[in-house]
């Protein structure tokens, strides 16, 4: 069902400093900051040959990333994202197998302009999983 790894998301306190670290210290190609108000974050994508790293900074006090950073003051890996061919079929299959879909259970448009869903970390080895339609 899952396809390739789309990205690993890292929550950061300071997007500008984090971007500079990846760009200037590690020599990576980094996108421009992209506000995602529906998800409560501003994102930057670090382009790698085989995947991406998504840097997430809170956008507002109600951001889920702000809550994550309260518990993890230095930041850290927030979630991993896998591609799926059909997000609704994947959702229905996962629900039938007992997995919990976060939020309303309906896909929302993610930072790449494609439908996404998040799966409860307690159902996936303590890891928040995002599915993105390929």
C-alpha atoms as a PDB file:
ATOM      1  CA  UNK A   1       0.000   0.000   0.000  1.00  0.00           C
ATOM      2  CA  UNK A   2       2.663   2.587   0.947  1.00  0.00           C
ATOM      3  CA  UNK A   3       4.988   3.865  -1.700  1.00  0.00           C
ATOM      4  CA  UNK A   4       8.179   5.819  -1.425  1.00  0.00           C
ATOM      5  CA  UNK A   5       9.218   7.926   1.540  1.00  0.00           C
ATOM      6  CA  UNK A   6       8.136  11.454   0.658  1.00  0.00           C
ATOM      7  CA  UNK A   7       9.733  13.303   3.575  1.00  0.00           C
ATOM      8  CA  UNK A   8      10.802  13.310   7.201  1.00  0.00           C
ATOM      9  CA  UNK A   9       9.458  16.321   9.111  1.00  0.00           C
ATOM     10  CA  UNK A  10      11.492  18.032  11.822  1.00  0.00           C
ATOM     11  CA  UNK A  11       9.912  20.544  14.205  1.00  0.00           C
ATOM     12  CA  UNK A  12      12.137  23.580  14.768  1.00  0.00           C
ATOM     13  CA  UNK A  13      11.985  26.665  16.983  1.00  0.00           C
ATOM     14  CA  UNK A  14      13.722  28.960  14.495  1.00  0.00           C
ATOM     15  CA  UNK A  15      13.059  28.257  10.827  1.00  0.00           C
ATOM     16  CA  UNK A  16      15.549  30.836   9.584  1.00  0.00           C
ATOM     17  CA  UNK A  17      18.424  29.403  11.658  1.00  0.00           C
ATOM     18  CA  UNK A  18      17.443  25.838  10.786  1.00  0.00           C
ATOM     19  CA  UNK A  19      17.312  26.676   7.084  1.00  0.00           C
ATOM     20  CA  UNK A  20      20.759  28.260   7.312  1.00  0.00           C
ATOM     21  CA  UNK A  21      22.114  25.134   9.008  1.00  0.00           C
ATOM     22  CA  UNK A  22      20.936  22.864   6.197  1.00  0.00           C
ATOM     23  CA  UNK A  23      21.820  25.317   3.412  1.00  0.00           C
ATOM     24  CA  UNK A  24      25.108  26.805   4.633  1.00  0.00           C
ATOM     25  CA  UNK A  25      26.569  24.080   6.835  1.00  0.00           C
ATOM     26  CA  UNK A  26      25.338  20.949   5.048  1.00  0.00           C
ATOM     27  CA  UNK A  27      25.239  22.465   1.551  1.00  0.00           C
ATOM     28  CA  UNK A  28      21.647  21.449   0.831  1.00  0.00           C
ATOM     29  CA  UNK A  29      19.215  23.054  -1.587  1.00  0.00           C
ATOM     30  CA  UNK A  30      16.385  24.575   0.478  1.00  0.00           C
ATOM     31  CA  UNK A  31      13.019  25.969  -0.639  1.00  0.00           C
ATOM     32  CA  UNK A  32      11.592  29.332   0.358  1.00  0.00           C
ATOM     33  CA  UNK A  33       9.442  29.402   3.527  1.00  0.00           C
ATOM     34  CA  UNK A  34       5.835  28.483   2.819  1.00  0.00           C
ATOM     35  CA  UNK A  35       3.101  29.405   5.340  1.00  0.00           C
ATOM     36  CA  UNK A  36       0.452  26.706   5.741  1.00  0.00           C
ATOM     37  CA  UNK A  37      -2.207  28.381   7.936  1.00  0.00           C
ATOM     38  CA  UNK A  38      -4.627  25.427   7.689  1.00  0.00           C
ATOM     39  CA  UNK A  39      -1.979  23.225   9.324  1.00  0.00           C
ATOM     40  CA  UNK A  40      -0.618  25.901  11.698  1.00  0.00           C
ATOM     41  CA  UNK A  41       2.940  25.783  10.343  1.00  0.00           C
ATOM     42  CA  UNK A  42       5.451  27.466   8.112  1.00  0.00           C
ATOM     43  CA  UNK A  43       7.481  24.909   6.160  1.00  0.00           C
ATOM     44  CA  UNK A  44      10.734  24.725   4.276  1.00  0.00           C
ATOM     45  CA  UNK A  45      11.736  21.711   2.213  1.00  0.00           C
ATOM     46  CA  UNK A  46      15.322  20.514   2.094  1.00  0.00           C
ATOM     47  CA  UNK A  47      15.761  18.772  -1.264  1.00  0.00           C
ATOM     48  CA  UNK A  48      17.776  15.557  -1.182  1.00  0.00           C
ATOM     49  CA  UNK A  49      18.509  13.212  -4.098  1.00  0.00           C
ATOM     50  CA  UNK A  50      16.117  10.527  -2.832  1.00  0.00           C
ATOM     51  CA  UNK A  51      13.628  12.365  -0.564  1.00  0.00           C
ATOM     52  CA  UNK A  52      13.039  15.616   1.338  1.00  0.00           C
ATOM     53  CA  UNK A  53      13.379  16.931   4.867  1.00  0.00           C
ATOM     54  CA  UNK A  54      10.516  19.200   5.913  1.00  0.00           C
ATOM     55  CA  UNK A  55      11.379  21.805   8.543  1.00  0.00           C
ATOM     56  CA  UNK A  56       8.272  22.893  10.477  1.00  0.00           C
ATOM     57  CA  UNK A  57       7.977  26.081  12.506  1.00  0.00           C
ATOM     58  CA  UNK A  58       4.807  26.923  14.468  1.00  0.00           C
ATOM     59  CA  UNK A  59       2.472  29.423  12.851  1.00  0.00           C
ATOM     60  CA  UNK A  60       0.503  30.800  15.787  1.00  0.00           C
ATOM     61  CA  UNK A  61       0.031  29.697  19.393  1.00  0.00           C
ATOM     62  CA  UNK A  62      -2.516  26.991  18.504  1.00  0.00           C
ATOM     63  CA  UNK A  63      -0.118  25.222  16.149  1.00  0.00           C
ATOM     64  CA  UNK A  64       0.348  21.497  16.814  1.00  0.00           C
ATOM     65  CA  UNK A  65       4.052  22.176  16.314  1.00  0.00           C
ATOM     66  CA  UNK A  66       4.005  24.722  19.164  1.00  0.00           C
ATOM     67  CA  UNK A  67       2.584  22.008  21.419  1.00  0.00           C
ATOM     68  CA  UNK A  68       5.236  19.548  20.182  1.00  0.00           C
ATOM     69  CA  UNK A  69       7.990  22.085  20.948  1.00  0.00           C
ATOM     70  CA  UNK A  70       6.599  22.611  24.462  1.00  0.00           C
ATOM     71  CA  UNK A  71       7.297  18.921  25.110  1.00  0.00           C
ATOM     72  CA  UNK A  72      10.505  18.830  23.018  1.00  0.00           C
ATOM     73  CA  UNK A  73      12.228  22.165  23.591  1.00  0.00           C
ATOM     74  CA  UNK A  74      15.078  21.456  21.165  1.00  0.00           C
ATOM     75  CA  UNK A  75      12.732  20.269  18.410  1.00  0.00           C
ATOM     76  CA  UNK A  76      13.088  16.919  16.717  1.00  0.00           C
ATOM     77  CA  UNK A  77      11.496  14.500  14.300  1.00  0.00           C
ATOM     78  CA  UNK A  78       7.772  15.181  14.202  1.00  0.00           C
ATOM     79  CA  UNK A  79       6.506  12.744  11.548  1.00  0.00           C
ATOM     80  CA  UNK A  80       7.339  10.695   8.487  1.00  0.00           C
ATOM     81  CA  UNK A  81       5.385  10.874   5.250  1.00  0.00           C
ATOM     82  CA  UNK A  82       4.759   8.021   2.835  1.00  0.00           C
ATOM     83  CA  UNK A  83       3.157   8.288  -0.564  1.00  0.00           C
ATOM     84  CA  UNK A  84       0.054   6.266  -1.462  1.00  0.00           C
ATOM     85  CA  UNK A  85      -1.603   5.896  -4.855  1.00  0.00           C
ATOM     86  CA  UNK A  86      -5.160   6.349  -3.560  1.00  0.00           C
ATOM     87  CA  UNK A  87      -5.513   8.091  -0.219  1.00  0.00           C
ATOM     88  CA  UNK A  88      -9.191   7.212   0.248  1.00  0.00           C
ATOM     89  CA  UNK A  89      -8.582   3.510  -0.446  1.00  0.00           C
ATOM     90  CA  UNK A  90      -5.589   3.598   1.933  1.00  0.00           C
ATOM     91  CA  UNK A  91      -7.698   5.294   4.622  1.00  0.00           C
ATOM     92  CA  UNK A  92     -10.519   2.781   4.284  1.00  0.00           C
ATOM     93  CA  UNK A  93      -8.146  -0.179   4.390  1.00  0.00           C
ATOM     94  CA  UNK A  94      -6.354   1.178   7.459  1.00  0.00           C
ATOM     95  CA  UNK A  95      -9.616   1.909   9.289  1.00  0.00           C
ATOM     96  CA  UNK A  96     -10.853  -1.622   8.518  1.00  0.00           C
ATOM     97  CA  UNK A  97      -7.674  -2.924  10.148  1.00  0.00           C
ATOM     98  CA  UNK A  98      -8.246  -0.803  13.275  1.00  0.00           C
ATOM     99  CA  UNK A  99      -5.878   2.105  12.612  1.00  0.00           C
ATOM    100  CA  UNK A 100      -6.971   5.517  13.840  1.00  0.00           C
ATOM    101  CA  UNK A 101      -7.031   8.446  11.425  1.00  0.00           C
ATOM    102  CA  UNK A 102      -6.468  11.804  13.125  1.00  0.00           C
ATOM    103  CA  UNK A 103      -8.801  14.761  12.710  1.00  0.00           C
ATOM    104  CA  UNK A 104     -12.036  14.310  10.838  1.00  0.00           C
ATOM    105  CA  UNK A 105     -10.736  11.337   8.868  1.00  0.00           C
ATOM    106  CA  UNK A 106     -11.115  13.283   5.651  1.00  0.00           C
ATOM    107  CA  UNK A 107      -8.015  14.242   3.658  1.00  0.00           C
ATOM    108  CA  UNK A 108      -6.841  17.843   3.728  1.00  0.00           C
ATOM    109  CA  UNK A 109      -4.573  19.547   1.240  1.00  0.00           C
ATOM    110  CA  UNK A 110      -0.956  19.458   2.415  1.00  0.00           C
ATOM    111  CA  UNK A 111       2.110  21.577   1.686  1.00  0.00           C
ATOM    112  CA  UNK A 112       2.634  19.927  -1.712  1.00  0.00           C
ATOM    113  CA  UNK A 113      -0.928  20.736  -2.802  1.00  0.00           C
ATOM    114  CA  UNK A 114      -1.970  17.076  -2.519  1.00  0.00           C
ATOM    115  CA  UNK A 115      -4.398  15.302  -0.162  1.00  0.00           C
ATOM    116  CA  UNK A 116      -2.897  14.135   3.147  1.00  0.00           C
ATOM    117  CA  UNK A 117      -3.999  12.222   6.243  1.00  0.00           C
ATOM    118  CA  UNK A 118      -2.279  11.596   9.563  1.00  0.00           C
ATOM    119  CA  UNK A 119      -2.312   8.274  11.422  1.00  0.00           C
ATOM    120  CA  UNK A 120      -2.267   7.996  15.211  1.00  0.00           C
ATOM    121  CA  UNK A 121       1.269   7.404  16.505  1.00  0.00           C
ATOM    122  CA  UNK A 122       0.109   4.808  19.037  1.00  0.00           C
ATOM    123  CA  UNK A 123      -0.936   2.610  16.115  1.00  0.00           C
ATOM    124  CA  UNK A 124       2.455   2.922  14.349  1.00  0.00           C
ATOM    125  CA  UNK A 125       5.244   2.219  16.834  1.00  0.00           C
ATOM    126  CA  UNK A 126       5.042   5.652  18.441  1.00  0.00           C
ATOM    127  CA  UNK A 127       5.534   7.449  15.128  1.00  0.00           C
ATOM    128  CA  UNK A 128       3.156  10.015  13.669  1.00  0.00           C
ATOM    129  CA  UNK A 129       2.643   8.937  10.051  1.00  0.00           C
ATOM    130  CA  UNK A 130       1.433  11.190   7.256  1.00  0.00           C
ATOM    131  CA  UNK A 131       0.078   9.691   4.061  1.00  0.00           C
ATOM    132  CA  UNK A 132       0.179  11.812   0.913  1.00  0.00           C
ATOM    133  CA  UNK A 133      -1.507  10.929  -2.342  1.00  0.00           C
ATOM    134  CA  UNK A 134       1.167  10.503  -5.015  1.00  0.00           C
END
